[in-house]
Amino acid sequence: MADTSVARDQLRSIVERIERLEEEKKAIADDIRDVYAEAKANGFDVKTLRQVVRLRKVEVAERQEQEAMLDLYLSALGMIPGDGISESEN
C-alpha cells in the first residue's frame, strides 16, 4: 500500500512540474511573439528575422555547407540569375 502511495505522489509531482513548465513555455512564446510584433512595428521583416535567428543557431561550417547545397540545387534548376541557364530551358 505504501509503495502505491509513494508512486502516486511521485507521479503527481512529475505531472505538476510538467504543467508548470508548460505554462512558462507559453509565457516565453508570448514574449517572443511580442518582440516580433515590436520588430514588425519598427519596419523589420519578421519572416527574415525568423530566418536569421534560425541560422544563428547553426555552426558556420554547417551553414556554409547548407548554402552551397542550396546554390547547387538552385543553379541546377536555373534559378540563379547569370548562371547561363534560363528557366525556360527547363
N, C-alpha and C. Protein backbone atom coordinates (compact mmCIF):
# COMPACT_ATOMS: atom_id res chain seq x y z
N MET A 1 0.81 -1.19 0.00
CA MET A 1 0.00 0.00 0.00
C MET A 1 0.86 1.26 0.00
N ALA A 2 1.94 1.26 0.79
CA ALA A 2 2.81 2.42 0.88
C ALA A 2 3.50 2.69 -0.44
N ASP A 3 3.89 1.61 -1.16
CA ASP A 3 4.54 1.76 -2.45
C ASP A 3 3.62 2.45 -3.45
N THR A 4 2.35 2.11 -3.43
CA THR A 4 1.36 2.70 -4.33
C THR A 4 1.20 4.18 -4.02
N SER A 5 1.16 4.53 -2.76
CA SER A 5 1.01 5.91 -2.34
C SER A 5 2.22 6.75 -2.76
N VAL A 6 3.41 6.19 -2.60
CA VAL A 6 4.64 6.88 -2.99
C VAL A 6 4.68 7.09 -4.49
N ALA A 7 4.33 6.05 -5.25
CA ALA A 7 4.32 6.15 -6.71
C ALA A 7 3.30 7.19 -7.17
N ARG A 8 2.14 7.20 -6.54
CA ARG A 8 1.09 8.17 -6.89
C ARG A 8 1.58 9.59 -6.62
N ASP A 9 2.20 9.80 -5.45
CA ASP A 9 2.72 11.13 -5.10
C ASP A 9 3.82 11.56 -6.06
N GLN A 10 4.68 10.62 -6.39
CA GLN A 10 5.76 10.93 -7.32
C GLN A 10 5.19 11.29 -8.70
N LEU A 11 4.21 10.53 -9.16
CA LEU A 11 3.58 10.80 -10.45
C LEU A 11 2.91 12.17 -10.45
N ARG A 12 2.19 12.48 -9.38
CA ARG A 12 1.51 13.77 -9.26
C ARG A 12 2.55 14.90 -9.30
N SER A 13 3.65 14.73 -8.61
CA SER A 13 4.71 15.73 -8.59
C SER A 13 5.29 15.96 -9.99
N ILE A 14 5.52 14.89 -10.70
CA ILE A 14 6.06 14.99 -12.06
C ILE A 14 5.09 15.71 -12.98
N VAL A 15 3.82 15.33 -12.90
CA VAL A 15 2.80 15.96 -13.74
C VAL A 15 2.69 17.46 -13.42
N GLU A 16 2.71 17.81 -12.16
CA GLU A 16 2.61 19.22 -11.77
C GLU A 16 3.82 20.01 -12.25
N ARG A 17 5.00 19.43 -12.19
CA ARG A 17 6.21 20.11 -12.70
C ARG A 17 6.09 20.34 -14.19
N ILE A 18 5.63 19.32 -14.92
CA ILE A 18 5.45 19.46 -16.37
C ILE A 18 4.45 20.56 -16.66
N GLU A 19 3.36 20.60 -15.92
CA GLU A 19 2.34 21.63 -16.14
C GLU A 19 2.91 23.04 -15.90
N ARG A 20 3.70 23.20 -14.85
CA ARG A 20 4.33 24.50 -14.59
C ARG A 20 5.27 24.89 -15.72
N LEU A 21 6.05 23.93 -16.19
CA LEU A 21 6.98 24.22 -17.28
C LEU A 21 6.23 24.57 -18.57
N GLU A 22 5.12 23.89 -18.82
CA GLU A 22 4.30 24.22 -19.99
C GLU A 22 3.77 25.65 -19.90
N GLU A 23 3.36 26.07 -18.70
CA GLU A 23 2.90 27.44 -18.51
C GLU A 23 4.03 28.43 -18.77
N GLU A 24 5.22 28.13 -18.26
CA GLU A 24 6.38 29.00 -18.51
C GLU A 24 6.72 29.06 -19.99
N LYS A 25 6.62 27.91 -20.67
CA LYS A 25 6.91 27.86 -22.10
C LYS A 25 5.93 28.74 -22.87
N LYS A 26 4.65 28.69 -22.49
CA LYS A 26 3.65 29.52 -23.15
C LYS A 26 3.95 31.00 -22.92
N ALA A 27 4.33 31.35 -21.70
CA ALA A 27 4.64 32.75 -21.38
C ALA A 27 5.84 33.23 -22.21
N ILE A 28 6.84 32.38 -22.35
CA ILE A 28 8.02 32.73 -23.15
C ILE A 28 7.63 32.87 -24.62
N ALA A 29 6.81 31.97 -25.12
CA ALA A 29 6.35 32.05 -26.52
C ALA A 29 5.59 33.35 -26.74
N ASP A 30 4.78 33.75 -25.77
CA ASP A 30 4.05 35.02 -25.86
C ASP A 30 5.02 36.21 -25.90
N ASP A 31 6.07 36.14 -25.07
CA ASP A 31 7.08 37.20 -25.06
C ASP A 31 7.80 37.30 -26.41
N ILE A 32 8.13 36.15 -26.97
CA ILE A 32 8.81 36.12 -28.27
C ILE A 32 7.89 36.71 -29.34
N ARG A 33 6.64 36.36 -29.31
CA ARG A 33 5.66 36.89 -30.27
C ARG A 33 5.59 38.42 -30.14
N ASP A 34 5.63 38.92 -28.90
CA ASP A 34 5.60 40.37 -28.68
C ASP A 34 6.84 41.05 -29.27
N VAL A 35 7.99 40.43 -29.14
CA VAL A 35 9.22 41.01 -29.69
C VAL A 35 9.14 41.06 -31.22
N TYR A 36 8.63 40.00 -31.83
CA TYR A 36 8.48 40.00 -33.29
C TYR A 36 7.47 41.08 -33.71
N ALA A 37 6.41 41.27 -32.95
CA ALA A 37 5.43 42.32 -33.26
C ALA A 37 6.07 43.70 -33.16
N GLU A 38 6.90 43.88 -32.15
CA GLU A 38 7.63 45.14 -32.00
C GLU A 38 8.57 45.37 -33.18
N ALA A 39 9.27 44.32 -33.59
CA ALA A 39 10.18 44.43 -34.73
C ALA A 39 9.41 44.81 -35.99
N LYS A 40 8.25 44.18 -36.19
CA LYS A 40 7.42 44.48 -37.36
C LYS A 40 6.95 45.93 -37.32
N ALA A 41 6.55 46.40 -36.14
CA ALA A 41 6.10 47.78 -35.98
C ALA A 41 7.22 48.77 -36.29
N ASN A 42 8.46 48.34 -36.12
CA ASN A 42 9.62 49.19 -36.39
C ASN A 42 10.13 49.01 -37.82
N GLY A 43 9.38 48.28 -38.65
CA GLY A 43 9.71 48.16 -40.06
C GLY A 43 10.57 46.97 -40.45
N PHE A 44 10.84 46.07 -39.53
CA PHE A 44 11.64 44.89 -39.85
C PHE A 44 10.74 43.79 -40.43
N ASP A 45 11.30 43.00 -41.32
CA ASP A 45 10.58 41.88 -41.92
C ASP A 45 10.68 40.67 -40.98
N VAL A 46 9.56 40.27 -40.43
CA VAL A 46 9.52 39.21 -39.42
C VAL A 46 9.98 37.87 -39.99
N LYS A 47 9.58 37.57 -41.21
CA LYS A 47 9.97 36.30 -41.82
C LYS A 47 11.50 36.22 -41.94
N THR A 48 12.12 37.32 -42.33
CA THR A 48 13.58 37.35 -42.44
C THR A 48 14.22 37.26 -41.07
N LEU A 49 13.66 37.94 -40.09
CA LEU A 49 14.19 37.86 -38.72
C LEU A 49 14.17 36.43 -38.19
N ARG A 50 13.07 35.72 -38.45
CA ARG A 50 12.97 34.32 -38.00
C ARG A 50 14.07 33.48 -38.66
N GLN A 51 14.32 33.75 -39.93
CA GLN A 51 15.36 33.01 -40.65
C GLN A 51 16.74 33.33 -40.06
N VAL A 52 16.99 34.60 -39.74
CA VAL A 52 18.27 34.98 -39.15
C VAL A 52 18.46 34.29 -37.80
N VAL A 53 17.42 34.29 -36.98
CA VAL A 53 17.51 33.63 -35.66
C VAL A 53 17.81 32.15 -35.84
N ARG A 54 17.13 31.51 -36.80
CA ARG A 54 17.36 30.08 -37.05
C ARG A 54 18.79 29.84 -37.52
N LEU A 55 19.29 30.69 -38.42
CA LEU A 55 20.63 30.50 -38.96
C LEU A 55 21.72 30.73 -37.91
N ARG A 56 21.46 31.64 -36.98
CA ARG A 56 22.46 31.90 -35.93
C ARG A 56 22.67 30.70 -35.01
N LYS A 57 21.73 29.78 -35.00
CA LYS A 57 21.85 28.58 -34.17
C LYS A 57 22.74 27.52 -34.82
N VAL A 58 23.04 27.70 -36.11
CA VAL A 58 23.77 26.69 -36.87
C VAL A 58 25.25 27.08 -36.91
N GLU A 59 26.12 26.08 -36.76
CA GLU A 59 27.56 26.31 -36.85
C GLU A 59 27.91 26.90 -38.21
N VAL A 60 28.94 27.72 -38.26
CA VAL A 60 29.34 28.40 -39.50
C VAL A 60 29.61 27.40 -40.63
N ALA A 61 30.37 26.36 -40.35
CA ALA A 61 30.72 25.39 -41.39
C ALA A 61 29.46 24.68 -41.90
N GLU A 62 28.57 24.33 -41.01
CA GLU A 62 27.34 23.64 -41.43
C GLU A 62 26.47 24.59 -42.26
N ARG A 63 26.40 25.85 -41.84
CA ARG A 63 25.61 26.83 -42.58
C ARG A 63 26.19 27.03 -43.98
N GLN A 64 27.51 27.10 -44.09
CA GLN A 64 28.14 27.26 -45.40
C GLN A 64 27.86 26.04 -46.29
N GLU A 65 27.89 24.87 -45.70
CA GLU A 65 27.58 23.65 -46.46
C GLU A 65 26.14 23.67 -46.95
N GLN A 66 25.21 24.08 -46.09
CA GLN A 66 23.80 24.17 -46.48
C GLN A 66 23.61 25.19 -47.60
N GLU A 67 24.28 26.33 -47.49
CA GLU A 67 24.17 27.38 -48.51
C GLU A 67 24.75 26.90 -49.84
N ALA A 68 25.85 26.17 -49.78
CA ALA A 68 26.47 25.65 -51.00
C ALA A 68 25.54 24.65 -51.69
N MET A 69 24.91 23.79 -50.89
CA MET A 69 23.98 22.82 -51.46
C MET A 69 22.76 23.54 -52.07
N LEU A 70 22.26 24.56 -51.37
CA LEU A 70 21.14 25.32 -51.89
C LEU A 70 21.51 25.99 -53.22
N ASP A 71 22.70 26.60 -53.28
CA ASP A 71 23.16 27.22 -54.53
C ASP A 71 23.27 26.19 -55.65
N LEU A 72 23.78 25.01 -55.33
CA LEU A 72 23.92 23.95 -56.32
C LEU A 72 22.55 23.55 -56.87
N TYR A 73 21.59 23.34 -55.98
CA TYR A 73 20.24 22.96 -56.41
C TYR A 73 19.58 24.06 -57.22
N LEU A 74 19.69 25.31 -56.75
CA LEU A 74 19.09 26.42 -57.49
C LEU A 74 19.73 26.58 -58.86
N SER A 75 21.03 26.41 -58.92
CA SER A 75 21.73 26.50 -60.20
C SER A 75 21.27 25.40 -61.14
N ALA A 76 21.13 24.19 -60.63
CA ALA A 76 20.69 23.06 -61.45
C ALA A 76 19.28 23.29 -61.99
N LEU A 77 18.48 24.04 -61.26
CA LEU A 77 17.12 24.34 -61.69
C LEU A 77 17.02 25.64 -62.49
N GLY A 78 18.18 26.29 -62.71
CA GLY A 78 18.19 27.53 -63.48
C GLY A 78 17.57 28.70 -62.74
N MET A 79 17.66 28.68 -61.44
CA MET A 79 17.01 29.71 -60.64
C MET A 79 17.97 30.78 -60.14
N ILE A 80 19.26 30.69 -60.50
CA ILE A 80 20.23 31.70 -60.10
C ILE A 80 20.51 32.58 -61.30
N PRO A 81 20.24 33.89 -61.20
CA PRO A 81 20.48 34.80 -62.32
C PRO A 81 21.95 34.76 -62.74
N GLY A 82 22.18 34.76 -64.05
CA GLY A 82 23.53 34.81 -64.57
C GLY A 82 24.28 33.50 -64.54
N ASP A 83 23.58 32.39 -64.29
CA ASP A 83 24.28 31.09 -64.27
C ASP A 83 24.34 30.47 -65.65
N GLY A 84 23.79 31.16 -66.65
CA GLY A 84 23.88 30.66 -68.01
C GLY A 84 22.73 29.75 -68.41
N ILE A 85 21.84 29.44 -67.49
CA ILE A 85 20.70 28.57 -67.79
C ILE A 85 19.44 29.39 -67.51
N SER A 86 18.59 29.50 -68.47
CA SER A 86 17.34 30.23 -68.23
C SER A 86 16.28 29.25 -67.77
N GLU A 87 15.28 29.78 -67.05
CA GLU A 87 14.21 28.92 -66.55
C GLU A 87 13.40 28.32 -67.69
N SER A 88 13.37 28.98 -68.84
CA SER A 88 12.60 28.44 -69.96
C SER A 88 13.24 27.23 -70.60
N GLU A 89 14.53 27.02 -70.31
CA GLU A 89 15.23 25.84 -70.87
C GLU A 89 14.87 24.59 -70.11
N ASN A 90 14.30 24.70 -68.94
CA ASN A 90 13.98 23.53 -68.10
C ASN A 90 12.67 22.92 -68.48
